[in-house]
Amino acid sequence: MQSVILCNACNVGRVSAFRFIGDGRRLWVCHECDAVWLGDSAPEGLPDGTLYQYVHPYQGPGTPTDWEQIEPVTE
């Protein structure tokens, strides 16, 4: 079982591993502030940005939101 990783950007949220649905790249996302760290390893240091910088912009009904463009990593 994966230990809880606290976001070092907001110091409140929990950070979990995800992958982009479109291409399978791995990222880590804070559930509170949407901070993102790219890569396979658990996040260290400052984030690489925020989720909206790495996903397609929401275009309205029928298009995926930010969080619908990623899926949790379960392994």
N, C-alpha and C. Protein backbone atom coordinates (compact mmCIF):
# COMPACT_ATOMS: atom_id res chain seq x y z
N MET A 1 0.84 -1.19 0.00
CA MET A 1 0.00 0.00 0.00
C MET A 1 0.88 1.25 0.00
N GLN A 2 0.52 2.21 -0.81
CA GLN A 2 1.28 3.45 -0.95
C GLN A 2 1.03 4.36 0.25
N SER A 3 2.11 4.95 0.77
CA SER A 3 1.95 5.88 1.89
C SER A 3 1.38 7.20 1.38
N VAL A 4 0.80 7.97 2.29
CA VAL A 4 0.21 9.26 1.94
C VAL A 4 1.33 10.27 1.69
N ILE A 5 1.24 10.97 0.59
CA ILE A 5 2.20 12.01 0.25
C ILE A 5 1.48 13.34 0.36
N LEU A 6 2.00 14.21 1.20
CA LEU A 6 1.42 15.54 1.39
C LEU A 6 2.01 16.50 0.37
N CYS A 7 1.18 17.30 -0.24
CA CYS A 7 1.60 18.27 -1.25
C CYS A 7 2.52 19.32 -0.61
N ASN A 8 3.68 19.54 -1.23
CA ASN A 8 4.58 20.56 -0.70
C ASN A 8 4.32 21.92 -1.33
N ALA A 9 3.30 22.01 -2.18
CA ALA A 9 2.91 23.31 -2.75
C ALA A 9 1.86 23.99 -1.88
N CYS A 10 0.83 23.24 -1.47
CA CYS A 10 -0.24 23.82 -0.64
C CYS A 10 -0.18 23.36 0.81
N ASN A 11 0.60 22.30 1.07
CA ASN A 11 0.74 21.73 2.42
C ASN A 11 -0.58 21.25 3.02
N VAL A 12 -1.56 20.97 2.18
CA VAL A 12 -2.87 20.50 2.64
C VAL A 12 -3.28 19.22 1.92
N GLY A 13 -3.12 19.21 0.61
CA GLY A 13 -3.66 18.13 -0.20
C GLY A 13 -2.81 16.88 -0.22
N ARG A 14 -3.46 15.79 -0.59
CA ARG A 14 -2.82 14.49 -0.77
C ARG A 14 -2.43 14.36 -2.24
N VAL A 15 -1.23 13.85 -2.50
CA VAL A 15 -0.71 13.68 -3.86
C VAL A 15 -0.78 12.20 -4.23
N SER A 16 -1.31 11.92 -5.42
CA SER A 16 -1.45 10.54 -5.89
C SER A 16 -0.92 10.41 -7.31
N ALA A 17 -0.56 9.17 -7.65
CA ALA A 17 -0.05 8.87 -8.99
C ALA A 17 -1.22 8.71 -9.97
N PHE A 18 -1.04 9.28 -11.15
CA PHE A 18 -2.02 9.18 -12.24
C PHE A 18 -1.26 8.95 -13.54
N ARG A 19 -2.01 8.68 -14.61
CA ARG A 19 -1.43 8.66 -15.96
C ARG A 19 -2.40 9.36 -16.89
N PHE A 20 -1.83 9.98 -17.91
CA PHE A 20 -2.65 10.62 -18.94
C PHE A 20 -3.35 9.53 -19.73
N ILE A 21 -4.65 9.65 -19.92
CA ILE A 21 -5.40 8.66 -20.67
C ILE A 21 -4.94 8.63 -22.13
N GLY A 22 -4.62 9.77 -22.69
CA GLY A 22 -4.24 9.85 -24.10
C GLY A 22 -2.94 9.16 -24.46
N ASP A 23 -1.91 9.28 -23.61
CA ASP A 23 -0.61 8.73 -23.99
C ASP A 23 0.08 7.90 -22.91
N GLY A 24 -0.54 7.75 -21.75
CA GLY A 24 0.01 6.89 -20.72
C GLY A 24 1.14 7.47 -19.88
N ARG A 25 1.55 8.72 -20.16
CA ARG A 25 2.61 9.33 -19.35
C ARG A 25 2.16 9.43 -17.90
N ARG A 26 3.09 9.26 -17.00
CA ARG A 26 2.76 9.28 -15.58
C ARG A 26 2.96 10.67 -15.00
N LEU A 27 2.11 11.00 -14.05
CA LEU A 27 2.20 12.27 -13.34
C LEU A 27 1.66 12.07 -11.95
N TRP A 28 1.95 13.00 -11.08
CA TRP A 28 1.46 13.01 -9.70
C TRP A 28 0.67 14.29 -9.54
N VAL A 29 -0.50 14.21 -8.92
CA VAL A 29 -1.39 15.36 -8.83
C VAL A 29 -1.88 15.53 -7.39
N CYS A 30 -1.89 16.80 -6.93
CA CYS A 30 -2.45 17.12 -5.62
C CYS A 30 -3.96 17.22 -5.76
N HIS A 31 -4.68 16.54 -4.89
CA HIS A 31 -6.14 16.54 -4.92
C HIS A 31 -6.74 17.87 -4.45
N GLU A 32 -5.95 18.70 -3.83
CA GLU A 32 -6.44 19.98 -3.31
C GLU A 32 -6.17 21.14 -4.26
N CYS A 33 -4.91 21.31 -4.68
CA CYS A 33 -4.53 22.50 -5.46
C CYS A 33 -4.20 22.19 -6.92
N ASP A 34 -4.29 20.92 -7.33
CA ASP A 34 -4.02 20.49 -8.71
C ASP A 34 -2.56 20.68 -9.13
N ALA A 35 -1.63 20.81 -8.18
CA ALA A 35 -0.21 20.85 -8.52
C ALA A 35 0.17 19.53 -9.18
N VAL A 36 1.12 19.59 -10.14
CA VAL A 36 1.53 18.42 -10.91
C VAL A 36 3.04 18.25 -10.84
N TRP A 37 3.46 16.99 -10.69
CA TRP A 37 4.85 16.59 -10.83
C TRP A 37 4.86 15.52 -11.91
N LEU A 38 5.72 15.65 -12.88
CA LEU A 38 5.80 14.67 -13.97
C LEU A 38 6.82 13.60 -13.63
N GLY A 39 6.59 12.38 -14.12
CA GLY A 39 7.55 11.30 -13.94
C GLY A 39 7.03 10.14 -13.13
N ASP A 40 7.83 9.08 -13.11
CA ASP A 40 7.44 7.84 -12.45
C ASP A 40 7.69 7.85 -10.95
N SER A 41 8.65 8.63 -10.50
CA SER A 41 9.02 8.64 -9.08
C SER A 41 8.12 9.56 -8.27
N ALA A 42 8.00 9.25 -6.99
CA ALA A 42 7.23 10.10 -6.08
C ALA A 42 7.77 11.52 -6.14
N PRO A 43 6.90 12.51 -6.06
CA PRO A 43 7.32 13.90 -6.25
C PRO A 43 8.26 14.41 -5.16
N GLU A 44 9.22 15.19 -5.60
CA GLU A 44 10.14 15.88 -4.71
C GLU A 44 10.31 17.29 -5.25
N GLY A 45 10.52 18.23 -4.38
CA GLY A 45 10.77 19.60 -4.82
C GLY A 45 9.51 20.29 -5.31
N LEU A 46 9.74 21.37 -6.02
CA LEU A 46 8.64 22.19 -6.51
C LEU A 46 7.88 21.47 -7.61
N PRO A 47 6.57 21.73 -7.74
CA PRO A 47 5.80 21.10 -8.80
C PRO A 47 6.22 21.61 -10.18
N ASP A 48 5.87 20.82 -11.20
CA ASP A 48 6.15 21.18 -12.59
C ASP A 48 5.07 22.08 -13.18
N GLY A 49 4.09 22.40 -12.40
CA GLY A 49 2.99 23.26 -12.87
C GLY A 49 1.69 22.79 -12.23
N THR A 50 0.59 23.11 -12.90
CA THR A 50 -0.72 22.68 -12.44
C THR A 50 -1.41 21.86 -13.52
N LEU A 51 -2.40 21.10 -13.13
CA LEU A 51 -3.04 20.16 -14.04
C LEU A 51 -3.53 20.84 -15.32
N TYR A 52 -4.15 22.01 -15.21
CA TYR A 52 -4.71 22.65 -16.41
C TYR A 52 -3.64 22.98 -17.45
N GLN A 53 -2.38 23.04 -17.06
CA GLN A 53 -1.29 23.32 -18.01
C GLN A 53 -0.94 22.09 -18.86
N TYR A 54 -1.36 20.91 -18.44
CA TYR A 54 -0.97 19.67 -19.11
C TYR A 54 -2.11 18.93 -19.78
N VAL A 55 -3.33 19.41 -19.64
CA VAL A 55 -4.48 18.76 -20.26
C VAL A 55 -5.12 19.71 -21.28
N HIS A 56 -6.00 19.15 -22.09
CA HIS A 56 -6.73 19.98 -23.06
C HIS A 56 -7.74 20.84 -22.32
N PRO A 57 -7.91 22.09 -22.73
CA PRO A 57 -8.88 22.95 -22.06
C PRO A 57 -10.30 22.42 -22.20
N TYR A 58 -11.09 22.63 -21.18
CA TYR A 58 -12.50 22.22 -21.20
C TYR A 58 -13.23 23.08 -22.24
N GLN A 59 -13.95 22.41 -23.14
CA GLN A 59 -14.64 23.10 -24.23
C GLN A 59 -16.16 23.09 -24.08
N GLY A 60 -16.64 22.72 -22.90
CA GLY A 60 -18.08 22.72 -22.66
C GLY A 60 -18.65 21.32 -22.64
N PRO A 61 -19.99 21.24 -22.58
CA PRO A 61 -20.66 19.94 -22.47
C PRO A 61 -20.21 18.97 -23.56
N GLY A 62 -19.99 17.73 -23.14
CA GLY A 62 -19.57 16.69 -24.09
C GLY A 62 -18.06 16.56 -24.22
N THR A 63 -17.30 17.43 -23.59
CA THR A 63 -15.84 17.33 -23.63
C THR A 63 -15.33 17.03 -22.22
N PRO A 64 -14.17 16.36 -22.11
CA PRO A 64 -13.69 15.97 -20.78
C PRO A 64 -13.14 17.15 -19.98
N THR A 65 -13.39 17.10 -18.68
CA THR A 65 -12.80 18.08 -17.77
C THR A 65 -11.34 17.68 -17.52
N ASP A 66 -10.62 18.50 -16.77
CA ASP A 66 -9.22 18.22 -16.46
C ASP A 66 -9.04 16.81 -15.88
N TRP A 67 -9.80 16.52 -14.82
CA TRP A 67 -9.65 15.25 -14.11
C TRP A 67 -10.15 14.06 -14.91
N GLU A 68 -10.95 14.26 -15.94
CA GLU A 68 -11.41 13.17 -16.79
C GLU A 68 -10.37 12.79 -17.85
N GLN A 69 -9.29 13.54 -17.93
CA GLN A 69 -8.23 13.26 -18.90
C GLN A 69 -7.08 12.48 -18.28
N ILE A 70 -7.20 12.16 -16.99
CA ILE A 70 -6.19 11.36 -16.29
C ILE A 70 -6.90 10.22 -15.57
N GLU A 71 -6.14 9.16 -15.26
CA GLU A 71 -6.70 8.04 -14.49
C GLU A 71 -5.71 7.64 -13.42
N PRO A 72 -6.22 7.16 -12.29
CA PRO A 72 -5.33 6.74 -11.20
C PRO A 72 -4.44 5.57 -11.60
N VAL A 73 -3.23 5.57 -11.09
CA VAL A 73 -2.33 4.44 -11.26
C VAL A 73 -2.58 3.50 -10.10
N THR A 74 -2.87 2.25 -10.39
CA THR A 74 -3.25 1.32 -9.35
C THR A 74 -2.16 0.31 -9.00
N GLU A 75 -1.07 0.26 -9.76
CA GLU A 75 -0.02 -0.74 -9.44
C GLU A 75 0.93 -0.25 -8.41
